Protein backbone atom coordinates (compact mmCIF):
# COMPACT_ATOMS: atom_id res chain seq x y z
CA MET A 1 120.35 109.24 119.75
CA VAL A 2 119.93 112.92 117.85
CA ARG A 3 118.43 112.75 114.56
CA VAL A 4 120.12 114.56 111.85
CA PRO A 5 117.86 117.68 110.02
CA LEU A 6 116.50 116.96 106.64
CA THR A 7 118.20 118.56 103.91
CA ALA A 8 116.49 120.74 101.76
CA ALA A 9 116.56 117.93 98.73
CA GLU A 10 115.03 115.44 100.99
CA ILE A 11 111.94 117.72 101.71
CA ARG A 12 111.45 118.44 98.37
CA ARG A 13 111.39 114.75 97.63
CA GLY A 14 108.77 114.17 100.16
CA GLN A 15 106.68 116.50 98.73
CA GLU A 16 106.77 115.83 95.45
CA ILE A 17 106.36 111.98 96.14
CA GLY A 18 103.33 113.34 98.35
CA ALA A 19 101.94 115.37 95.23
CA LEU A 20 102.22 112.51 93.00
CA LEU A 21 100.71 109.84 95.21
CA ARG A 22 97.59 112.37 95.54
CA GLU A 23 97.80 113.10 91.67
CA ALA A 24 97.96 110.00 91.09
CA ARG A 25 94.86 109.02 93.81
CA GLY A 26 91.98 110.77 91.59
CA GLU A 27 88.83 110.51 92.28
CA ARG A 28 89.88 107.78 94.97
CA THR A 29 88.82 108.64 98.85
CA LEU A 30 91.94 109.09 101.01
CA THR A 31 90.50 106.44 103.13
CA ASP A 32 89.72 103.96 100.63
CA VAL A 33 93.42 104.14 99.38
CA ALA A 34 94.88 104.44 103.02
CA ALA A 35 92.90 101.46 103.96
CA GLY A 36 94.14 99.04 100.24
CA ALA A 37 97.43 100.04 102.08
CA GLY A 38 97.07 99.42 105.37
CA ILE A 39 98.03 102.88 107.05
CA SER A 40 95.28 105.61 108.62
CA PRO A 41 94.03 108.44 106.74
CA ALA A 42 95.86 110.46 108.46
CA THR A 43 99.15 109.32 108.08
CA LEU A 44 97.92 109.63 104.14
CA ARG A 45 97.44 112.85 104.54
CA LYS A 46 100.58 113.48 105.85
CA ILE A 47 102.36 111.85 103.20
CA GLU A 48 100.18 113.85 100.56
CA THR A 49 100.68 117.06 102.09
CA GLY A 50 104.72 116.65 102.81
CA ARG A 51 104.31 116.74 106.72
CA ILE A 52 106.11 113.10 106.68
CA PRO A 53 108.47 113.99 104.21
CA THR A 54 110.49 110.42 104.59
CA PRO A 55 107.35 107.90 104.65
CA SER A 56 109.18 104.43 104.87
CA PHE A 57 109.82 102.56 101.64
CA THR A 58 107.36 99.79 102.78
CA THR A 59 104.51 102.59 103.13
CA VAL A 60 105.37 103.94 99.64
CA ALA A 61 105.22 100.97 98.04
CA LEU A 62 102.33 99.63 99.09
CA LEU A 63 100.63 103.50 98.39
CA ALA A 64 102.41 102.94 94.97
CA ALA A 65 100.10 99.52 94.45
CA GLN A 66 97.26 101.21 95.86
CA VAL A 67 97.04 104.07 92.94
CA GLY A 68 98.60 102.27 90.21
CA LEU A 69 102.15 103.37 90.10
CA SER A 70 105.96 101.47 89.78
CA LEU A 71 108.24 102.63 92.22
CA ASP A 72 111.01 103.50 89.64
CA GLY A 73 108.10 105.60 87.73
CA ILE A 74 107.94 107.58 91.19
CA TRP A 75 111.48 108.02 91.50
CA ARG A 76 112.53 108.77 87.84
CA ARG A 77 109.29 111.29 88.42
CA VAL A 78 110.66 112.82 91.50
CA GLU A 79 114.38 113.23 89.83
CA GLY A 80 113.11 115.34 87.07
CA ASP A 81 111.65 113.19 84.37
CA PRO A 82 108.04 114.41 84.21
CA ALA A 83 107.16 111.84 82.07
CA ALA A 84 107.96 108.70 84.01
CA VAL A 85 104.94 108.27 85.30
CA ASP A 86 101.74 108.25 83.21
CA LEU A 87 98.62 109.11 85.33
CA GLY A 88 96.63 108.49 82.26
CA ARG A 89 96.72 104.57 82.90
CA VAL A 90 96.11 104.94 86.72
CA SER A 91 92.58 103.48 87.56
C-alpha cells in the first residue's frame, strides 16, 4: 500500500498543533508530560517539532488533557482563531 503524501496544509496543521502543545506545556518537562499521556518523550519531541505532522487523535487528546487544552480550542486555534486557546489558564 502506498501512502498519499501529505498536503502543505496538513503539514502546517501538524506543525501548529506541535507548537501549541509545546507552548501549553510551559515549564513542565517533556518527560513529565509524555509520561502523563502514556507516550515516549521522543514521540512528544517529534510532535512538538512537527516531525510527526499527523499524530493520532488519541495521542493529541491525551496530550491536550495533560496540558489543560480542549480539543475544540486546539482545532479553532489551528484553523486561524488566535483567541481560541487561553494559554494563561494552563497549569
